């Protein structure tokens, strides 16, 4: 990654320079504790970074970390229009408990119009699922990044969640966006401990057997012999489009 200098306006109106991290600095990120990881992000991407939340199974951890270590970072929720009712309710619970402002972005094409033009894309093949992801998740996230002037994006992905995520680095280039994964190496035990220590509320669908929570039509409870990946999109694909390198910052409606 090349060293770049970006100018940003501070709260006082003065212009400050932010240095993008060098390759050697990036290599050391994983050795930092969680507080220092956020300090590192603030140092290198202040004023140019957003975080996203799916209000999913483990969303409370990342939101709490942001509130604790980087409360000035904007948080974005992509409202596909197809979330479970419990997910919308859970998001409101988290906003109230953590005193967080969360910016909601929706697709440019409504759910009704999509279904009229394309049918139920989530019932189609891999190509149809990719189109679904582009319309409902990638396009609104691109818009959020542009609106908020972000060159970097924090996500709560973890190695243990899927085979594909096992190959991720803590800091990665995804087209024109730098992806930052502060809890990439956290285990399920660490997540559970964090929930317990800070008294964070659990997603209500967890008690119904859901382990990975996305849109209602493409998420199923975990069954015996399945992995978490199998519960999303009937196992055809794990990623919804947001975390696939070829999509972000390229796709427009």
C-alpha atoms as a PDB file:
ATOM      1  CA  UNK A   1       0.000   0.000   0.000  1.00  0.00           C
ATOM      2  CA  UNK A   2       1.463   3.354  -0.995  1.00  0.00           C
ATOM      3  CA  UNK A   3       1.802   6.174   1.491  1.00  0.00           C
ATOM      4  CA  UNK A   4      -0.781   8.850   0.851  1.00  0.00           C
ATOM      5  CA  UNK A   5      -1.543  12.150   2.542  1.00  0.00           C
ATOM      6  CA  UNK A   6      -5.170  13.255   2.761  1.00  0.00           C
ATOM      7  CA  UNK A   7      -6.416  16.583   4.046  1.00  0.00           C
ATOM      8  CA  UNK A   8      -9.490  16.665   6.281  1.00  0.00           C
ATOM      9  CA  UNK A   9     -11.271  19.444   8.117  1.00  0.00           C
ATOM     10  CA  UNK A  10     -11.206  19.288  11.896  1.00  0.00           C
ATOM     11  CA  UNK A  11     -14.098  20.361  14.146  1.00  0.00           C
ATOM     12  CA  UNK A  12     -12.434  23.767  14.523  1.00  0.00           C
ATOM     13  CA  UNK A  13     -12.360  24.210  10.757  1.00  0.00           C
ATOM     14  CA  UNK A  14      -8.618  23.767  10.481  1.00  0.00           C
ATOM     15  CA  UNK A  15      -7.210  21.388   7.892  1.00  0.00           C
ATOM     16  CA  UNK A  16      -5.255  18.407   9.181  1.00  0.00           C
ATOM     17  CA  UNK A  17      -3.263  15.805   7.279  1.00  0.00           C
ATOM     18  CA  UNK A  18      -3.932  12.096   7.701  1.00  0.00           C
ATOM     19  CA  UNK A  19      -1.231   9.649   6.665  1.00  0.00           C
ATOM     20  CA  UNK A  20      -2.324   6.331   5.201  1.00  0.00           C
ATOM     21  CA  UNK A  21      -0.462   3.452   6.876  1.00  0.00           C
ATOM     22  CA  UNK A  22       2.679   1.964   5.401  1.00  0.00           C
ATOM     23  CA  UNK A  23       2.935  -1.745   4.656  1.00  0.00           C
ATOM     24  CA  UNK A  24       5.060  -2.261   7.769  1.00  0.00           C
ATOM     25  CA  UNK A  25       2.460  -0.507   9.928  1.00  0.00           C
ATOM     26  CA  UNK A  26      -0.304  -2.645   8.451  1.00  0.00           C
ATOM     27  CA  UNK A  27       1.679  -5.803   9.193  1.00  0.00           C
ATOM     28  CA  UNK A  28       1.755  -4.893  12.887  1.00  0.00           C
ATOM     29  CA  UNK A  29      -1.983  -4.230  13.199  1.00  0.00           C
ATOM     30  CA  UNK A  30      -2.891  -7.779  14.225  1.00  0.00           C
ATOM     31  CA  UNK A  31      -0.441  -7.711  17.127  1.00  0.00           C
ATOM     32  CA  UNK A  32      -2.226  -4.754  18.750  1.00  0.00           C
ATOM     33  CA  UNK A  33      -4.877  -5.114  21.435  1.00  0.00           C
ATOM     34  CA  UNK A  34      -8.381  -4.002  20.558  1.00  0.00           C
ATOM     35  CA  UNK A  35      -8.060  -0.498  22.042  1.00  0.00           C
ATOM     36  CA  UNK A  36      -4.840   0.112  20.107  1.00  0.00           C
ATOM     37  CA  UNK A  37      -6.417  -1.213  16.915  1.00  0.00           C
ATOM     38  CA  UNK A  38      -9.058   1.486  17.107  1.00  0.00           C
ATOM     39  CA  UNK A  39      -6.429   4.083  18.025  1.00  0.00           C
ATOM     40  CA  UNK A  40      -4.528   2.991  14.892  1.00  0.00           C
ATOM     41  CA  UNK A  41      -7.666   3.399  12.780  1.00  0.00           C
ATOM     42  CA  UNK A  42      -8.291   6.842  14.240  1.00  0.00           C
ATOM     43  CA  UNK A  43      -4.694   7.822  13.545  1.00  0.00           C
ATOM     44  CA  UNK A  44      -4.690   6.791   9.898  1.00  0.00           C
ATOM     45  CA  UNK A  45      -8.301   7.282   8.784  1.00  0.00           C
ATOM     46  CA  UNK A  46      -9.802   9.975  11.010  1.00  0.00           C
ATOM     47  CA  UNK A  47     -12.649  11.699   9.223  1.00  0.00           C
ATOM     48  CA  UNK A  48     -12.528   9.246   6.322  1.00  0.00           C
ATOM     49  CA  UNK A  49     -13.863   6.031   7.842  1.00  0.00           C
ATOM     50  CA  UNK A  50     -17.327   4.573   8.406  1.00  0.00           C
ATOM     51  CA  UNK A  51     -18.527   1.380  10.043  1.00  0.00           C
ATOM     52  CA  UNK A  52     -21.364  -0.840   8.916  1.00  0.00           C
ATOM     53  CA  UNK A  53     -23.714  -2.953  10.993  1.00  0.00           C
ATOM     54  CA  UNK A  54     -26.129  -5.650   9.898  1.00  0.00           C
ATOM     55  CA  UNK A  55     -27.820  -5.720  13.317  1.00  0.00           C
ATOM     56  CA  UNK A  56     -27.081  -9.432  13.106  1.00  0.00           C
ATOM     57  CA  UNK A  57     -26.138 -12.159  15.530  1.00  0.00           C
ATOM     58  CA  UNK A  58     -22.958 -10.511  16.833  1.00  0.00           C
ATOM     59  CA  UNK A  59     -23.538  -6.887  15.898  1.00  0.00           C
ATOM     60  CA  UNK A  60     -23.656  -5.611  19.470  1.00  0.00           C
ATOM     61  CA  UNK A  61     -19.953  -6.304  20.007  1.00  0.00           C
ATOM     62  CA  UNK A  62     -18.694  -4.112  17.170  1.00  0.00           C
ATOM     63  CA  UNK A  63     -21.185  -1.355  17.967  1.00  0.00           C
ATOM     64  CA  UNK A  64     -20.111  -1.340  21.610  1.00  0.00           C
ATOM     65  CA  UNK A  65     -16.430  -1.236  20.602  1.00  0.00           C
ATOM     66  CA  UNK A  66     -17.078   1.727  18.321  1.00  0.00           C
ATOM     67  CA  UNK A  67     -19.032   3.551  21.025  1.00  0.00           C
ATOM     68  CA  UNK A  68     -16.199   2.904  23.480  1.00  0.00           C
ATOM     69  CA  UNK A  69     -13.137   3.532  21.320  1.00  0.00           C
ATOM     70  CA  UNK A  70     -14.239   5.579  18.297  1.00  0.00           C
ATOM     71  CA  UNK A  71     -17.595   7.267  18.944  1.00  0.00           C
ATOM     72  CA  UNK A  72     -17.100   9.808  16.137  1.00  0.00           C
ATOM     73  CA  UNK A  73     -17.097   7.146  13.421  1.00  0.00           C
ATOM     74  CA  UNK A  74     -20.422   7.111  11.506  1.00  0.00           C
ATOM     75  CA  UNK A  75     -22.294   3.799  11.555  1.00  0.00           C
ATOM     76  CA  UNK A  76     -24.365   2.692   8.558  1.00  0.00           C
ATOM     77  CA  UNK A  77     -27.198   0.159   8.418  1.00  0.00           C
ATOM     78  CA  UNK A  78     -28.287  -1.072   4.989  1.00  0.00           C
ATOM     79  CA  UNK A  79     -32.052  -1.565   5.048  1.00  0.00           C
ATOM     80  CA  UNK A  80     -32.789  -4.026   2.265  1.00  0.00           C
ATOM     81  CA  UNK A  81     -36.479  -4.002   3.118  1.00  0.00           C
ATOM     82  CA  UNK A  82     -36.258  -7.741   3.713  1.00  0.00           C
ATOM     83  CA  UNK A  83     -34.824  -7.924   7.224  1.00  0.00           C
ATOM     84  CA  UNK A  84     -36.611  -9.968   9.864  1.00  0.00           C
ATOM     85  CA  UNK A  85     -38.961  -7.920  12.073  1.00  0.00           C
ATOM     86  CA  UNK A  86     -36.780  -9.045  14.983  1.00  0.00           C
ATOM     87  CA  UNK A  87     -33.730  -7.481  13.315  1.00  0.00           C
ATOM     88  CA  UNK A  88     -35.394  -4.084  12.984  1.00  0.00           C
ATOM     89  CA  UNK A  89     -36.481  -4.311  16.614  1.00  0.00           C
ATOM     90  CA  UNK A  90     -32.999  -5.387  17.705  1.00  0.00           C
ATOM     91  CA  UNK A  91     -31.421  -2.429  15.932  1.00  0.00           C
ATOM     92  CA  UNK A  92     -33.669  -0.068  17.863  1.00  0.00           C
ATOM     93  CA  UNK A  93     -32.733  -1.830  21.109  1.00  0.00           C
ATOM     94  CA  UNK A  94     -29.021  -1.415  20.369  1.00  0.00           C
ATOM     95  CA  UNK A  95     -29.418   2.233  19.398  1.00  0.00           C
ATOM     96  CA  UNK A  96     -31.196   2.973  22.666  1.00  0.00           C
ATOM     97  CA  UNK A  97     -28.859   0.971  24.911  1.00  0.00           C
ATOM     98  CA  UNK A  98     -25.627   2.227  23.355  1.00  0.00           C
ATOM     99  CA  UNK A  99     -26.859   5.770  22.650  1.00  0.00           C
ATOM    100  CA  UNK A 100     -25.727   5.462  19.056  1.00  0.00           C
ATOM    101  CA  UNK A 101     -26.732   7.374  15.953  1.00  0.00           C
ATOM    102  CA  UNK A 102     -27.047   4.945  13.043  1.00  0.00           C
ATOM    103  CA  UNK A 103     -27.544   6.163   9.490  1.00  0.00           C
ATOM    104  CA  UNK A 104     -29.929   4.061   7.417  1.00  0.00           C
ATOM    105  CA  UNK A 105     -29.469   3.595   3.664  1.00  0.00           C
ATOM    106  CA  UNK A 106     -31.988   1.817   1.454  1.00  0.00           C
ATOM    107  CA  UNK A 107     -31.768   0.526  -2.145  1.00  0.00           C
ATOM    108  CA  UNK A 108     -32.552   2.931  -4.970  1.00  0.00           C
ATOM    109  CA  UNK A 109     -35.132   0.428  -6.233  1.00  0.00           C
ATOM    110  CA  UNK A 110     -37.934  -0.543  -3.849  1.00  0.00           C
ATOM    111  CA  UNK A 111     -38.631  -4.178  -3.018  1.00  0.00           C
ATOM    112  CA  UNK A 112     -41.971  -4.060  -4.834  1.00  0.00           C
ATOM    113  CA  UNK A 113     -40.402  -2.672  -8.006  1.00  0.00           C
ATOM    114  CA  UNK A 114     -37.580  -5.210  -7.898  1.00  0.00           C
ATOM    115  CA  UNK A 115     -39.961  -8.126  -7.653  1.00  0.00           C
ATOM    116  CA  UNK A 116     -42.126  -6.733 -10.467  1.00  0.00           C
ATOM    117  CA  UNK A 117     -39.124  -6.363 -12.787  1.00  0.00           C
ATOM    118  CA  UNK A 118     -36.839  -9.230 -11.772  1.00  0.00           C
ATOM    119  CA  UNK A 119     -39.039 -11.584  -9.810  1.00  0.00           C
ATOM    120  CA  UNK A 120     -37.842 -13.045  -6.523  1.00  0.00           C
ATOM    121  CA  UNK A 121     -34.123 -12.914  -7.172  1.00  0.00           C
ATOM    122  CA  UNK A 122     -33.312 -14.807  -3.977  1.00  0.00           C
ATOM    123  CA  UNK A 123     -34.997 -17.888  -5.464  1.00  0.00           C
ATOM    124  CA  UNK A 124     -32.731 -17.842  -8.514  1.00  0.00           C
ATOM    125  CA  UNK A 125     -29.271 -19.116  -9.382  1.00  0.00           C
ATOM    126  CA  UNK A 126     -25.942 -17.642  -8.308  1.00  0.00           C
ATOM    127  CA  UNK A 127     -26.169 -14.896 -10.934  1.00  0.00           C
ATOM    128  CA  UNK A 128     -29.599 -13.871  -9.635  1.00  0.00           C
ATOM    129  CA  UNK A 129     -28.281 -13.833  -6.076  1.00  0.00           C
ATOM    130  CA  UNK A 130     -25.415 -11.606  -7.136  1.00  0.00           C
ATOM    131  CA  UNK A 131     -27.849  -9.175  -8.741  1.00  0.00           C
ATOM    132  CA  UNK A 132     -29.883  -9.214  -5.539  1.00  0.00           C
ATOM    133  CA  UNK A 133     -26.793  -8.319  -3.535  1.00  0.00           C
ATOM    134  CA  UNK A 134     -25.781  -5.550  -5.909  1.00  0.00           C
ATOM    135  CA  UNK A 135     -29.196  -3.887  -5.860  1.00  0.00           C
ATOM    136  CA  UNK A 136     -30.009  -4.269  -2.188  1.00  0.00           C
ATOM    137  CA  UNK A 137     -26.653  -3.996  -0.471  1.00  0.00           C
ATOM    138  CA  UNK A 138     -23.780  -2.865  -2.663  1.00  0.00           C
ATOM    139  CA  UNK A 139     -25.461   0.139  -4.302  1.00  0.00           C
ATOM    140  CA  UNK A 140     -26.723   1.673  -1.037  1.00  0.00           C
ATOM    141  CA  UNK A 141     -23.390   1.017   0.695  1.00  0.00           C
ATOM    142  CA  UNK A 142     -21.548   2.700  -2.180  1.00  0.00           C
ATOM    143  CA  UNK A 143     -23.855   5.666  -1.759  1.00  0.00           C
ATOM    144  CA  UNK A 144     -23.142   5.786   1.969  1.00  0.00           C
ATOM    145  CA  UNK A 145     -19.383   5.741   1.393  1.00  0.00           C
ATOM    146  CA  UNK A 146     -19.689   8.575  -1.122  1.00  0.00           C
ATOM    147  CA  UNK A 147     -22.072  10.668   0.981  1.00  0.00           C
ATOM    148  CA  UNK A 148     -19.893  10.349   4.075  1.00  0.00           C
ATOM    149  CA  UNK A 149     -16.620  10.948   2.237  1.00  0.00           C
ATOM    150  CA  UNK A 150     -15.189   7.632   3.376  1.00  0.00           C
ATOM    151  CA  UNK A 151     -12.134   5.935   1.946  1.00  0.00           C
ATOM    152  CA  UNK A 152     -12.110   3.257   4.665  1.00  0.00           C
ATOM    153  CA  UNK A 153     -14.784   0.984   6.052  1.00  0.00           C
ATOM    154  CA  UNK A 154     -14.871  -0.962   9.343  1.00  0.00           C
ATOM    155  CA  UNK A 155     -16.625  -4.326   9.384  1.00  0.00           C
ATOM    156  CA  UNK A 156     -17.031  -7.008  12.035  1.00  0.00           C
ATOM    157  CA  UNK A 157     -16.098  -9.982   9.850  1.00  0.00           C
ATOM    158  CA  UNK A 158     -14.118 -12.746  11.572  1.00  0.00           C
ATOM    159  CA  UNK A 159     -11.927 -15.580  10.296  1.00  0.00           C
ATOM    160  CA  UNK A 160     -13.955 -18.250  12.023  1.00  0.00           C
ATOM    161  CA  UNK A 161     -17.237 -17.329  10.337  1.00  0.00           C
ATOM    162  CA  UNK A 162     -16.590 -18.983   6.982  1.00  0.00           C
ATOM    163  CA  UNK A 163     -13.966 -20.573   4.775  1.00  0.00           C
ATOM    164  CA  UNK A 164     -13.711 -17.477   2.575  1.00  0.00           C
ATOM    165  CA  UNK A 165     -13.277 -15.141   5.522  1.00  0.00           C
ATOM    166  CA  UNK A 166     -10.466 -17.304   6.818  1.00  0.00           C
ATOM    167  CA  UNK A 167      -8.196 -15.781   4.166  1.00  0.00           C
ATOM    168  CA  UNK A 168      -8.855 -12.152   5.030  1.00  0.00           C
ATOM    169  CA  UNK A 169      -6.213  -9.771   6.330  1.00  0.00           C
ATOM    170  CA  UNK A 170      -6.852  -7.151   8.999  1.00  0.00           C
ATOM    171  CA  UNK A 171      -6.429  -4.331   6.463  1.00  0.00           C
ATOM    172  CA  UNK A 172      -7.309  -4.958   2.826  1.00  0.00           C
ATOM    173  CA  UNK A 173      -7.957  -3.009  -0.355  1.00  0.00           C
ATOM    174  CA  UNK A 174     -11.389  -3.674  -1.843  1.00  0.00           C
ATOM    175  CA  UNK A 175     -11.478  -1.814  -5.133  1.00  0.00           C
ATOM    176  CA  UNK A 176     -11.174   1.853  -4.071  1.00  0.00           C
ATOM    177  CA  UNK A 177     -12.062   1.226  -0.429  1.00  0.00           C
ATOM    178  CA  UNK A 178      -9.820   0.102   2.424  1.00  0.00           C
ATOM    179  CA  UNK A 179     -11.555  -2.560   4.526  1.00  0.00           C
ATOM    180  CA  UNK A 180     -10.678  -2.726   8.228  1.00  0.00           C
ATOM    181  CA  UNK A 181     -11.474  -5.777  10.361  1.00  0.00           C
ATOM    182  CA  UNK A 182     -10.672  -5.016  14.034  1.00  0.00           C
ATOM    183  CA  UNK A 183     -12.064  -8.284  15.447  1.00  0.00           C
ATOM    184  CA  UNK A 184     -10.991 -10.536  12.589  1.00  0.00           C
ATOM    185  CA  UNK A 185      -9.124 -12.940  14.896  1.00  0.00           C
ATOM    186  CA  UNK A 186     -11.704 -13.066  17.694  1.00  0.00           C
ATOM    187  CA  UNK A 187     -13.068 -16.483  18.625  1.00  0.00           C
ATOM    188  CA  UNK A 188     -16.689 -17.284  19.406  1.00  0.00           C
ATOM    189  CA  UNK A 189     -15.658 -17.569  23.054  1.00  0.00           C
ATOM    190  CA  UNK A 190     -14.292 -14.020  22.993  1.00  0.00           C
ATOM    191  CA  UNK A 191     -17.535 -12.770  21.469  1.00  0.00           C
ATOM    192  CA  UNK A 192     -19.628 -14.556  24.107  1.00  0.00           C
ATOM    193  CA  UNK A 193     -17.400 -13.238  26.901  1.00  0.00           C
ATOM    194  CA  UNK A 194     -17.722  -9.683  25.612  1.00  0.00           C
ATOM    195  CA  UNK A 195     -21.521  -9.965  25.556  1.00  0.00           C
ATOM    196  CA  UNK A 196     -21.444 -11.198  29.157  1.00  0.00           C
ATOM    197  CA  UNK A 197     -18.960  -8.626  30.488  1.00  0.00           C
ATOM    198  CA  UNK A 198     -20.872  -5.648  29.105  1.00  0.00           C
ATOM    199  CA  UNK A 199     -24.402  -6.997  29.489  1.00  0.00           C
ATOM    200  CA  UNK A 200     -25.162  -6.648  25.809  1.00  0.00           C
ATOM    201  CA  UNK A 201     -28.573  -7.801  24.545  1.00  0.00           C
ATOM    202  CA  UNK A 202     -28.672 -10.818  22.247  1.00  0.00           C
ATOM    203  CA  UNK A 203     -30.452 -10.911  18.908  1.00  0.00           C
ATOM    204  CA  UNK A 204     -33.890 -12.470  19.601  1.00  0.00           C
ATOM    205  CA  UNK A 205     -33.546 -14.957  16.730  1.00  0.00           C
ATOM    206  CA  UNK A 206     -30.585 -16.694  18.374  1.00  0.00           C
ATOM    207  CA  UNK A 207     -32.888 -18.537  20.737  1.00  0.00           C
ATOM    208  CA  UNK A 208     -34.780 -19.838  17.694  1.00  0.00           C
ATOM    209  CA  UNK A 209     -31.698 -21.547  16.268  1.00  0.00           C
ATOM    210  CA  UNK A 210     -30.398 -18.856  13.922  1.00  0.00           C
ATOM    211  CA  UNK A 211     -26.617 -18.391  13.957  1.00  0.00           C
ATOM    212  CA  UNK A 212     -26.061 -16.108  10.942  1.00  0.00           C
ATOM    213  CA  UNK A 213     -28.840 -13.611  10.353  1.00  0.00           C
ATOM    214  CA  UNK A 214     -29.521 -11.847   7.075  1.00  0.00           C
ATOM    215  CA  UNK A 215     -32.709 -11.279   5.093  1.00  0.00           C
ATOM    216  CA  UNK A 216     -35.735 -13.355   6.070  1.00  0.00           C
ATOM    217  CA  UNK A 217     -36.075 -15.136   2.733  1.00  0.00           C
ATOM    218  CA  UNK A 218     -32.492 -16.416   2.565  1.00  0.00           C
ATOM    219  CA  UNK A 219     -31.674 -17.231   6.194  1.00  0.00           C
ATOM    220  CA  UNK A 220     -32.560 -20.463   7.978  1.00  0.00           C
ATOM    221  CA  UNK A 221     -31.993 -21.828  11.470  1.00  0.00           C
ATOM    222  CA  UNK A 222     -28.989 -24.099  11.905  1.00  0.00           C
ATOM    223  CA  UNK A 223     -29.792 -27.790  11.491  1.00  0.00           C
ATOM    224  CA  UNK A 224     -27.797 -30.793  12.622  1.00  0.00           C
ATOM    225  CA  UNK A 225     -24.779 -31.397  10.401  1.00  0.00           C
ATOM    226  CA  UNK A 226     -24.811 -27.892   8.924  1.00  0.00           C
ATOM    227  CA  UNK A 227     -22.286 -25.097   9.150  1.00  0.00           C
ATOM    228  CA  UNK A 228     -23.248 -21.445   9.568  1.00  0.00           C
ATOM    229  CA  UNK A 229     -22.524 -20.967   5.854  1.00  0.00           C
ATOM    230  CA  UNK A 230     -25.204 -23.520   4.967  1.00  0.00           C
ATOM    231  CA  UNK A 231     -27.902 -21.420   6.594  1.00  0.00           C
ATOM    232  CA  UNK A 232     -27.505 -18.527   4.139  1.00  0.00           C
ATOM    233  CA  UNK A 233     -28.733 -18.578   0.515  1.00  0.00           C
ATOM    234  CA  UNK A 234     -29.271 -22.355   0.777  1.00  0.00           C
ATOM    235  CA  UNK A 235     -25.521 -22.798   0.928  1.00  0.00           C
ATOM    236  CA  UNK A 236     -25.037 -21.478  -2.626  1.00  0.00           C
ATOM    237  CA  UNK A 237     -22.962 -18.553  -1.380  1.00  0.00           C
ATOM    238  CA  UNK A 238     -22.004 -17.016   1.950  1.00  0.00           C
ATOM    239  CA  UNK A 239     -21.361 -13.391   1.053  1.00  0.00           C
ATOM    240  CA  UNK A 240     -24.216 -11.067   0.190  1.00  0.00           C
ATOM    241  CA  UNK A 241     -22.096  -8.920  -2.126  1.00  0.00           C
ATOM    242  CA  UNK A 242     -20.848  -6.276   0.294  1.00  0.00           C
ATOM    243  CA  UNK A 243     -17.656  -8.173   1.056  1.00  0.00           C
ATOM    244  CA  UNK A 244     -16.831  -9.358  -2.443  1.00  0.00           C
ATOM    245  CA  UNK A 245     -13.908  -7.389  -3.821  1.00  0.00           C
ATOM    246  CA  UNK A 246     -15.221  -6.960  -7.349  1.00  0.00           C
ATOM    247  CA  UNK A 247     -18.373  -5.138  -6.269  1.00  0.00           C
ATOM    248  CA  UNK A 248     -17.805  -2.380  -3.753  1.00  0.00           C
ATOM    249  CA  UNK A 249     -17.174   1.110  -5.122  1.00  0.00           C
ATOM    250  CA  UNK A 250     -17.819  -0.060  -8.676  1.00  0.00           C
ATOM    251  CA  UNK A 251     -21.519  -0.846  -8.929  1.00  0.00           C
ATOM    252  CA  UNK A 252     -24.141   1.783  -9.626  1.00  0.00           C
ATOM    253  CA  UNK A 253     -27.841   1.371 -10.488  1.00  0.00           C
END
